[in-house]
Amino acid sequence: MSMEIRPYLLHALSPLHAGTGQSVGIIDLPIARLRATNIPFVPGSSLKGVLREARRSLPPAEWEALFGPLREVSGAAGDEAREGDHAGALVVGDARLVALPVRSFLGTFAWVSSPLLLELARRDLAGLDGLPGRMKRLPATGARVGAGSITVSPKQRRLLLEDLDLDAQVEPAVDAWARFLSRTWPEEEEGLRERFAVVDDETMSFLLETATQVETRVRIDPDTGTVVQGALWQEESLPAETLLVGVLAAGRSLRRGTELSATEVLERALKGTALLQLGGKATVGRGRCRLAAWPGVSREARP
């Protein structure tokens, strides 16, 4: 069965905690990371659940065609086939980090990426009009910025990120990536181009460990007004303004009596720019995100 694919950009508008639920490290509640690369990501299963709830306004038959019927029983027992069962037509891929906001002495903060992150993003974005070419690995520790960057000192040409002091050179490909990513944003928002920077992969690995947001939280005993014994923990989040890239795929509806093409499935799942609540800790302001696809583009793929 042929499928239609549409990449999307996920923009964290508040800190985003898509966690693993447990840890053996010093952080009690870490964020999810890819095993081999340590790159933060948001699991597709989390995003699909959020989209399922966000699209409750669809007619019930269409809603079930997109996401599949709900299980009556959770866990492995729920996998037993039932009469009338069918798979959902929408496939939601993981959203992987493409740019991390990092404090900067100039310009307040910079959206920092690396050749590796951009190359991995290129795989998901392949086929889209205007996709920039491959970003070459930097031969040494340093940074590349676009013309007109406000994060670089004008005389010394240095990018000053928290504890890092990097030589910066102007690279047209950085501008091209910033313009391409911001095509999913509202027209009035232009901050990405003047703050986008690409650092070498080794520096990016350091930032993946040190530039996330870690907070210590406690639970107060209402009777004593003091911290409950043992109720002190640390939790990690991706900072607000983090950018991630992922892919939505769709085939035709498999639900009997509900005819939807792959294009119609994607249009119903992506109704323009959507504000979503993702991950955990929503009651303390985490997880407000914007999800948007590149306008008017999709590609076909066959397994």
Foldseek 3Di string as FASTA:
>chain_A
DKKWKFKKKKAFQAWAAQFPCQDPDQAGTEHDADDPQRWGKHAQVQVLVQLLVVLPVDPPVLSCLAQNDDFPDDDPVSPDDDPQGDHHFKDGGMWTFAWAWFAAPWPRTATEGALVSLVVLCVSVPPDPLRFDRDDADPDWAKEAAPQARQADPPQCWRGTPPDTHRYDYDHSQLSVQVVNCLFPPPVDRPRRNRYMYTHPVVVSVCSVVVWDKDKDFDADPVPRHGDVPRIGIYTTRGHRTMTMTMMMGAFGPRPPDTDGSVRSVCSSPVRKDWTATHDPVVVPHRTMIMGTNPPDMGMDDD
